[in-house]
């Protein structure tokens, strides 16, 4: 029997790095894992619609750093940095409220995603946004696949939707694929994301796979 594995965890230590990086702190694993999950859930809710692709967390003995990767940095940073300052204060008040240990100086870095159409998380959010605007799901899938494949660095894409598609009484699933998606190849650079569209008649699940070529050494992707 085959076993479905998350494409990100499948490649950890091979071509992927951890999204939470802790330095010299092994004794508080349980507390830090819980706090990282709470921070990610809070940011996902707080920054909905800002197209945040990744939230990376770095902890040291005297530092705590959050790196937000987004295709809309201007929306988060705001006019003359007001948005970033407010977000930083909101995170600190959330951390204090939940009694999360930060351990020293807190830093918030906002990085821009240069190619949003080749980022699975942002593509999934774009699909979710369009579904919530009540656009026909087949048209969304077709247009999104074409938009993603128009990028030079993308070799394959697959989009899966599951739920009461088109408001139908019975839930079903649809998927659309173009190009290659070699899920079993460790060196294959596959970006994967899950998202959900909250509709008046229920939730539609979204999965996106984007294949960007094979990685043979650090920083070198063979197209």
C-alpha atoms as a PDB file:
ATOM      1  CA  UNK A   1       0.000   0.000   0.000  1.00  0.00           C
ATOM      2  CA  UNK A   2       1.272   3.459  -0.837  1.00  0.00           C
ATOM      3  CA  UNK A   3       1.570   6.049   1.915  1.00  0.00           C
ATOM      4  CA  UNK A   4       0.886   9.760   1.374  1.00  0.00           C
ATOM      5  CA  UNK A   5       3.645  11.951   2.843  1.00  0.00           C
ATOM      6  CA  UNK A   6       3.742  15.752   3.036  1.00  0.00           C
ATOM      7  CA  UNK A   7       6.113  16.879   0.211  1.00  0.00           C
ATOM      8  CA  UNK A   8       7.826  19.367   2.571  1.00  0.00           C
ATOM      9  CA  UNK A   9       8.598  16.942   5.432  1.00  0.00           C
ATOM     10  CA  UNK A  10       9.557  14.267   2.871  1.00  0.00           C
ATOM     11  CA  UNK A  11      12.513  16.475   1.802  1.00  0.00           C
ATOM     12  CA  UNK A  12      13.632  17.883   5.179  1.00  0.00           C
ATOM     13  CA  UNK A  13      17.398  17.691   5.485  1.00  0.00           C
ATOM     14  CA  UNK A  14      17.736  16.915   1.768  1.00  0.00           C
ATOM     15  CA  UNK A  15      16.686  20.090  -0.060  1.00  0.00           C
ATOM     16  CA  UNK A  16      14.531  21.729   2.659  1.00  0.00           C
ATOM     17  CA  UNK A  17      15.377  23.431   5.971  1.00  0.00           C
ATOM     18  CA  UNK A  18      13.229  23.616   9.132  1.00  0.00           C
ATOM     19  CA  UNK A  19      10.730  26.502   9.415  1.00  0.00           C
ATOM     20  CA  UNK A  20      11.441  26.753  13.173  1.00  0.00           C
ATOM     21  CA  UNK A  21      15.129  27.059  14.065  1.00  0.00           C
ATOM     22  CA  UNK A  22      16.151  26.974  17.731  1.00  0.00           C
ATOM     23  CA  UNK A  23      19.764  27.408  18.866  1.00  0.00           C
ATOM     24  CA  UNK A  24      21.060  25.738  22.044  1.00  0.00           C
ATOM     25  CA  UNK A  25      17.648  24.995  23.610  1.00  0.00           C
ATOM     26  CA  UNK A  26      16.742  21.302  23.848  1.00  0.00           C
ATOM     27  CA  UNK A  27      15.106  21.225  27.292  1.00  0.00           C
ATOM     28  CA  UNK A  28      12.004  23.287  26.346  1.00  0.00           C
ATOM     29  CA  UNK A  29      11.003  21.491  23.149  1.00  0.00           C
ATOM     30  CA  UNK A  30       7.353  20.966  24.133  1.00  0.00           C
ATOM     31  CA  UNK A  31       6.781  24.605  25.209  1.00  0.00           C
ATOM     32  CA  UNK A  32       8.510  26.070  22.147  1.00  0.00           C
ATOM     33  CA  UNK A  33       6.647  23.781  19.731  1.00  0.00           C
ATOM     34  CA  UNK A  34       3.290  24.798  21.242  1.00  0.00           C
ATOM     35  CA  UNK A  35       4.191  28.508  21.220  1.00  0.00           C
ATOM     36  CA  UNK A  36       5.391  28.382  17.568  1.00  0.00           C
ATOM     37  CA  UNK A  37       2.081  26.771  16.503  1.00  0.00           C
ATOM     38  CA  UNK A  38       0.085  29.432  18.428  1.00  0.00           C
ATOM     39  CA  UNK A  39       2.098  32.280  16.830  1.00  0.00           C
ATOM     40  CA  UNK A  40       1.635  30.823  13.322  1.00  0.00           C
ATOM     41  CA  UNK A  41      -2.128  30.388  13.850  1.00  0.00           C
ATOM     42  CA  UNK A  42      -2.424  33.959  15.170  1.00  0.00           C
ATOM     43  CA  UNK A  43      -0.486  35.418  12.216  1.00  0.00           C
ATOM     44  CA  UNK A  44      -2.499  33.374   9.680  1.00  0.00           C
ATOM     45  CA  UNK A  45      -5.708  34.875  11.107  1.00  0.00           C
ATOM     46  CA  UNK A  46      -4.298  38.396  11.578  1.00  0.00           C
ATOM     47  CA  UNK A  47      -2.735  38.613   8.082  1.00  0.00           C
ATOM     48  CA  UNK A  48      -5.499  36.901   6.077  1.00  0.00           C
ATOM     49  CA  UNK A  49      -5.574  38.469   2.603  1.00  0.00           C
ATOM     50  CA  UNK A  50      -1.962  39.736   2.820  1.00  0.00           C
ATOM     51  CA  UNK A  51      -0.679  36.674   0.883  1.00  0.00           C
ATOM     52  CA  UNK A  52       1.843  35.488   3.498  1.00  0.00           C
ATOM     53  CA  UNK A  53       3.581  32.387   2.138  1.00  0.00           C
ATOM     54  CA  UNK A  54       5.807  31.442   5.098  1.00  0.00           C
ATOM     55  CA  UNK A  55       6.315  32.276   8.767  1.00  0.00           C
ATOM     56  CA  UNK A  56       9.829  31.304   9.904  1.00  0.00           C
ATOM     57  CA  UNK A  57      10.801  31.476  13.581  1.00  0.00           C
ATOM     58  CA  UNK A  58      14.366  31.681  14.921  1.00  0.00           C
ATOM     59  CA  UNK A  59      15.123  31.431  18.631  1.00  0.00           C
ATOM     60  CA  UNK A  60      18.407  32.041  20.395  1.00  0.00           C
ATOM     61  CA  UNK A  61      19.250  32.414  24.074  1.00  0.00           C
ATOM     62  CA  UNK A  62      18.977  36.209  23.811  1.00  0.00           C
ATOM     63  CA  UNK A  63      16.922  36.695  20.646  1.00  0.00           C
ATOM     64  CA  UNK A  64      13.561  35.850  19.094  1.00  0.00           C
ATOM     65  CA  UNK A  65      13.035  36.518  15.382  1.00  0.00           C
ATOM     66  CA  UNK A  66      10.003  36.111  13.115  1.00  0.00           C
ATOM     67  CA  UNK A  67      10.501  36.222   9.325  1.00  0.00           C
ATOM     68  CA  UNK A  68       7.350  36.860   7.272  1.00  0.00           C
ATOM     69  CA  UNK A  69       7.552  36.079   3.549  1.00  0.00           C
ATOM     70  CA  UNK A  70       4.822  37.822   1.577  1.00  0.00           C
ATOM     71  CA  UNK A  71       4.024  38.993  -1.949  1.00  0.00           C
ATOM     72  CA  UNK A  72       2.424  42.172  -0.516  1.00  0.00           C
ATOM     73  CA  UNK A  73       5.055  43.638   1.843  1.00  0.00           C
ATOM     74  CA  UNK A  74       3.721  47.179   1.352  1.00  0.00           C
ATOM     75  CA  UNK A  75       0.304  46.178   2.757  1.00  0.00           C
ATOM     76  CA  UNK A  76       1.915  44.791   5.950  1.00  0.00           C
ATOM     77  CA  UNK A  77       4.595  47.491   6.411  1.00  0.00           C
ATOM     78  CA  UNK A  78       2.130  50.345   5.764  1.00  0.00           C
ATOM     79  CA  UNK A  79       2.857  54.042   5.365  1.00  0.00           C
ATOM     80  CA  UNK A  80       6.322  54.894   6.779  1.00  0.00           C
ATOM     81  CA  UNK A  81       6.432  51.557   8.674  1.00  0.00           C
ATOM     82  CA  UNK A  82       3.319  52.133  10.824  1.00  0.00           C
ATOM     83  CA  UNK A  83       1.785  48.748   9.918  1.00  0.00           C
ATOM     84  CA  UNK A  84       4.960  46.828  10.814  1.00  0.00           C
ATOM     85  CA  UNK A  85       5.235  48.628  14.189  1.00  0.00           C
ATOM     86  CA  UNK A  86       1.568  47.903  14.985  1.00  0.00           C
ATOM     87  CA  UNK A  87       1.982  44.238  13.959  1.00  0.00           C
ATOM     88  CA  UNK A  88       5.098  43.933  16.152  1.00  0.00           C
ATOM     89  CA  UNK A  89       3.207  45.392  19.148  1.00  0.00           C
ATOM     90  CA  UNK A  90       0.227  43.094  18.465  1.00  0.00           C
ATOM     91  CA  UNK A  91       2.528  40.031  18.411  1.00  0.00           C
ATOM     92  CA  UNK A  92       4.175  41.117  21.674  1.00  0.00           C
ATOM     93  CA  UNK A  93       0.792  41.615  23.392  1.00  0.00           C
ATOM     94  CA  UNK A  94      -0.381  38.195  22.072  1.00  0.00           C
ATOM     95  CA  UNK A  95       2.836  36.575  23.349  1.00  0.00           C
ATOM     96  CA  UNK A  96       2.357  38.209  26.779  1.00  0.00           C
ATOM     97  CA  UNK A  97      -1.325  37.181  26.897  1.00  0.00           C
ATOM     98  CA  UNK A  98      -0.523  33.531  26.109  1.00  0.00           C
ATOM     99  CA  UNK A  99       2.536  33.591  28.444  1.00  0.00           C
ATOM    100  CA  UNK A 100       4.893  32.584  25.630  1.00  0.00           C
ATOM    101  CA  UNK A 101       8.595  32.817  26.411  1.00  0.00           C
ATOM    102  CA  UNK A 102      10.472  34.889  23.805  1.00  0.00           C
ATOM    103  CA  UNK A 103      13.855  34.970  25.525  1.00  0.00           C
ATOM    104  CA  UNK A 104      15.385  38.351  24.804  1.00  0.00           C
ATOM    105  CA  UNK A 105      15.233  40.842  21.947  1.00  0.00           C
ATOM    106  CA  UNK A 106      12.282  40.500  19.551  1.00  0.00           C
ATOM    107  CA  UNK A 107      12.758  41.158  15.826  1.00  0.00           C
ATOM    108  CA  UNK A 108      10.210  41.129  12.995  1.00  0.00           C
ATOM    109  CA  UNK A 109      11.518  40.871   9.426  1.00  0.00           C
ATOM    110  CA  UNK A 110       9.259  41.189   6.378  1.00  0.00           C
ATOM    111  CA  UNK A 111      10.644  39.717   3.139  1.00  0.00           C
ATOM    112  CA  UNK A 112       9.158  40.006  -0.339  1.00  0.00           C
ATOM    113  CA  UNK A 113       8.319  36.929  -2.422  1.00  0.00           C
ATOM    114  CA  UNK A 114       9.635  37.859  -5.874  1.00  0.00           C
ATOM    115  CA  UNK A 115       7.605  35.351  -7.892  1.00  0.00           C
ATOM    116  CA  UNK A 116       4.193  34.854  -6.187  1.00  0.00           C
ATOM    117  CA  UNK A 117       2.787  32.741  -9.064  1.00  0.00           C
ATOM    118  CA  UNK A 118       5.427  30.060  -8.422  1.00  0.00           C
ATOM    119  CA  UNK A 119       4.737  29.913  -4.656  1.00  0.00           C
ATOM    120  CA  UNK A 120       2.218  27.193  -3.710  1.00  0.00           C
ATOM    121  CA  UNK A 121       0.949  28.924  -0.556  1.00  0.00           C
ATOM    122  CA  UNK A 122       0.223  32.217  -2.346  1.00  0.00           C
ATOM    123  CA  UNK A 123      -1.394  30.397  -5.316  1.00  0.00           C
ATOM    124  CA  UNK A 124      -3.660  28.473  -2.871  1.00  0.00           C
ATOM    125  CA  UNK A 125      -4.652  31.761  -1.196  1.00  0.00           C
ATOM    126  CA  UNK A 126      -5.407  33.306  -4.605  1.00  0.00           C
ATOM    127  CA  UNK A 127      -7.685  30.340  -5.451  1.00  0.00           C
ATOM    128  CA  UNK A 128      -9.394  30.646  -2.038  1.00  0.00           C
ATOM    129  CA  UNK A 129      -9.973  34.387  -2.531  1.00  0.00           C
ATOM    130  CA  UNK A 130     -11.565  33.831  -5.960  1.00  0.00           C
ATOM    131  CA  UNK A 131     -13.765  30.969  -4.700  1.00  0.00           C
ATOM    132  CA  UNK A 132     -15.021  33.200  -1.868  1.00  0.00           C
ATOM    133  CA  UNK A 133     -15.979  35.781  -4.524  1.00  0.00           C
ATOM    134  CA  UNK A 134     -18.263  33.065  -5.983  1.00  0.00           C
ATOM    135  CA  UNK A 135     -16.407  32.665  -9.280  1.00  0.00           C
ATOM    136  CA  UNK A 136     -16.884  29.333 -11.193  1.00  0.00           C
ATOM    137  CA  UNK A 137     -14.384  26.817  -9.784  1.00  0.00           C
ATOM    138  CA  UNK A 138     -13.425  25.259 -13.149  1.00  0.00           C
ATOM    139  CA  UNK A 139     -12.550  28.653 -14.598  1.00  0.00           C
ATOM    140  CA  UNK A 140     -10.482  29.486 -11.478  1.00  0.00           C
ATOM    141  CA  UNK A 141      -8.542  26.203 -11.766  1.00  0.00           C
ATOM    142  CA  UNK A 142      -7.865  26.601 -15.485  1.00  0.00           C
ATOM    143  CA  UNK A 143      -6.784  30.262 -15.237  1.00  0.00           C
ATOM    144  CA  UNK A 144      -4.580  29.593 -12.183  1.00  0.00           C
ATOM    145  CA  UNK A 145      -2.818  26.613 -13.846  1.00  0.00           C
ATOM    146  CA  UNK A 146      -2.117  28.715 -16.962  1.00  0.00           C
ATOM    147  CA  UNK A 147      -0.851  31.633 -14.852  1.00  0.00           C
ATOM    148  CA  UNK A 148       1.498  29.352 -12.856  1.00  0.00           C
ATOM    149  CA  UNK A 149       2.820  27.536 -15.963  1.00  0.00           C
ATOM    150  CA  UNK A 150       3.600  30.922 -17.576  1.00  0.00           C
ATOM    151  CA  UNK A 151       6.546  31.208 -15.117  1.00  0.00           C
ATOM    152  CA  UNK A 152       9.894  30.103 -16.535  1.00  0.00           C
ATOM    153  CA  UNK A 153      11.005  28.332 -13.337  1.00  0.00           C
ATOM    154  CA  UNK A 154       7.842  26.145 -13.086  1.00  0.00           C
ATOM    155  CA  UNK A 155       7.850  22.678 -14.693  1.00  0.00           C
ATOM    156  CA  UNK A 156       4.565  21.342 -13.366  1.00  0.00           C
ATOM    157  CA  UNK A 157       1.484  22.248 -11.317  1.00  0.00           C
ATOM    158  CA  UNK A 158      -1.461  20.382  -9.796  1.00  0.00           C
ATOM    159  CA  UNK A 159      -4.526  21.913  -8.119  1.00  0.00           C
ATOM    160  CA  UNK A 160      -7.040  19.875  -6.099  1.00  0.00           C
ATOM    161  CA  UNK A 161     -10.406  21.150  -4.821  1.00  0.00           C
ATOM    162  CA  UNK A 162     -12.687  19.155  -2.513  1.00  0.00           C
ATOM    163  CA  UNK A 163     -16.098  19.987  -1.033  1.00  0.00           C
ATOM    164  CA  UNK A 164     -19.494  21.239  -2.172  1.00  0.00           C
ATOM    165  CA  UNK A 165     -18.163  22.600  -5.457  1.00  0.00           C
ATOM    166  CA  UNK A 166     -20.512  25.042  -7.152  1.00  0.00           C
ATOM    167  CA  UNK A 167     -22.877  24.788  -4.171  1.00  0.00           C
ATOM    168  CA  UNK A 168     -23.895  21.206  -5.085  1.00  0.00           C
ATOM    169  CA  UNK A 169     -25.741  19.088  -2.504  1.00  0.00           C
ATOM    170  CA  UNK A 170     -23.141  16.313  -2.596  1.00  0.00           C
ATOM    171  CA  UNK A 171     -19.457  16.981  -1.949  1.00  0.00           C
ATOM    172  CA  UNK A 172     -16.958  15.865  -4.566  1.00  0.00           C
ATOM    173  CA  UNK A 173     -13.369  16.522  -5.628  1.00  0.00           C
ATOM    174  CA  UNK A 174     -11.829  17.905  -8.815  1.00  0.00           C
ATOM    175  CA  UNK A 175      -8.195  18.212  -9.808  1.00  0.00           C
ATOM    176  CA  UNK A 176      -6.302  19.751 -12.696  1.00  0.00           C
ATOM    177  CA  UNK A 177      -2.689  18.963 -13.570  1.00  0.00           C
ATOM    178  CA  UNK A 178      -0.234  20.318 -16.126  1.00  0.00           C
ATOM    179  CA  UNK A 179       3.405  19.293 -16.556  1.00  0.00           C
ATOM    180  CA  UNK A 180       5.346  16.953 -14.228  1.00  0.00           C
ATOM    181  CA  UNK A 181       4.866  16.369 -10.471  1.00  0.00           C
ATOM    182  CA  UNK A 182       7.491  13.734  -9.398  1.00  0.00           C
ATOM    183  CA  UNK A 183       6.431  13.304  -5.742  1.00  0.00           C
ATOM    184  CA  UNK A 184       8.753  10.346  -5.023  1.00  0.00           C
ATOM    185  CA  UNK A 185      11.977  12.047  -6.188  1.00  0.00           C
ATOM    186  CA  UNK A 186      13.836  13.528  -3.191  1.00  0.00           C
ATOM    187  CA  UNK A 187      15.805  16.037  -5.261  1.00  0.00           C
ATOM    188  CA  UNK A 188      12.616  17.328  -6.950  1.00  0.00           C
ATOM    189  CA  UNK A 189      11.899  20.871  -5.699  1.00  0.00           C
ATOM    190  CA  UNK A 190       8.160  20.554  -4.972  1.00  0.00           C
ATOM    191  CA  UNK A 191       6.317  23.350  -3.200  1.00  0.00           C
ATOM    192  CA  UNK A 192       3.067  22.242  -1.518  1.00  0.00           C
ATOM    193  CA  UNK A 193       0.317  24.141   0.305  1.00  0.00           C
ATOM    194  CA  UNK A 194      -3.115  23.558   1.828  1.00  0.00           C
ATOM    195  CA  UNK A 195      -5.774  26.249   2.127  1.00  0.00           C
ATOM    196  CA  UNK A 196      -9.538  26.441   2.636  1.00  0.00           C
ATOM    197  CA  UNK A 197     -12.232  28.668   1.182  1.00  0.00           C
ATOM    198  CA  UNK A 198     -15.047  29.417   3.651  1.00  0.00           C
ATOM    199  CA  UNK A 199     -18.283  29.450   1.659  1.00  0.00           C
ATOM    200  CA  UNK A 200     -21.903  30.083   2.840  1.00  0.00           C
ATOM    201  CA  UNK A 201     -22.704  26.374   2.290  1.00  0.00           C
ATOM    202  CA  UNK A 202     -19.521  24.885   3.779  1.00  0.00           C
ATOM    203  CA  UNK A 203     -15.747  24.738   3.441  1.00  0.00           C
ATOM    204  CA  UNK A 204     -13.884  23.900   0.220  1.00  0.00           C
ATOM    205  CA  UNK A 205     -10.432  22.367   0.682  1.00  0.00           C
ATOM    206  CA  UNK A 206      -7.621  23.454  -1.646  1.00  0.00           C
ATOM    207  CA  UNK A 207      -4.279  21.720  -2.299  1.00  0.00           C
ATOM    208  CA  UNK A 208      -1.564  23.048  -4.624  1.00  0.00           C
ATOM    209  CA  UNK A 209       1.629  21.317  -5.811  1.00  0.00           C
ATOM    210  CA  UNK A 210       4.231  23.268  -7.833  1.00  0.00           C
ATOM    211  CA  UNK A 211       7.323  21.557  -9.312  1.00  0.00           C
ATOM    212  CA  UNK A 212      10.348  23.764 -10.043  1.00  0.00           C
ATOM    213  CA  UNK A 213      12.978  21.336 -11.313  1.00  0.00           C
ATOM    214  CA  UNK A 214      15.598  19.150  -9.610  1.00  0.00           C
ATOM    215  CA  UNK A 215      18.121  20.353  -7.027  1.00  0.00           C
ATOM    216  CA  UNK A 216      21.527  18.634  -7.254  1.00  0.00           C
ATOM    217  CA  UNK A 217      23.581  20.948  -5.010  1.00  0.00           C
ATOM    218  CA  UNK A 218      22.795  23.901  -2.746  1.00  0.00           C
ATOM    219  CA  UNK A 219      21.315  26.733  -4.762  1.00  0.00           C
ATOM    220  CA  UNK A 220      21.470  24.898  -8.118  1.00  0.00           C
ATOM    221  CA  UNK A 221      18.174  23.868  -9.674  1.00  0.00           C
ATOM    222  CA  UNK A 222      18.258  21.983 -12.969  1.00  0.00           C
ATOM    223  CA  UNK A 223      15.351  23.114 -15.131  1.00  0.00           C
END
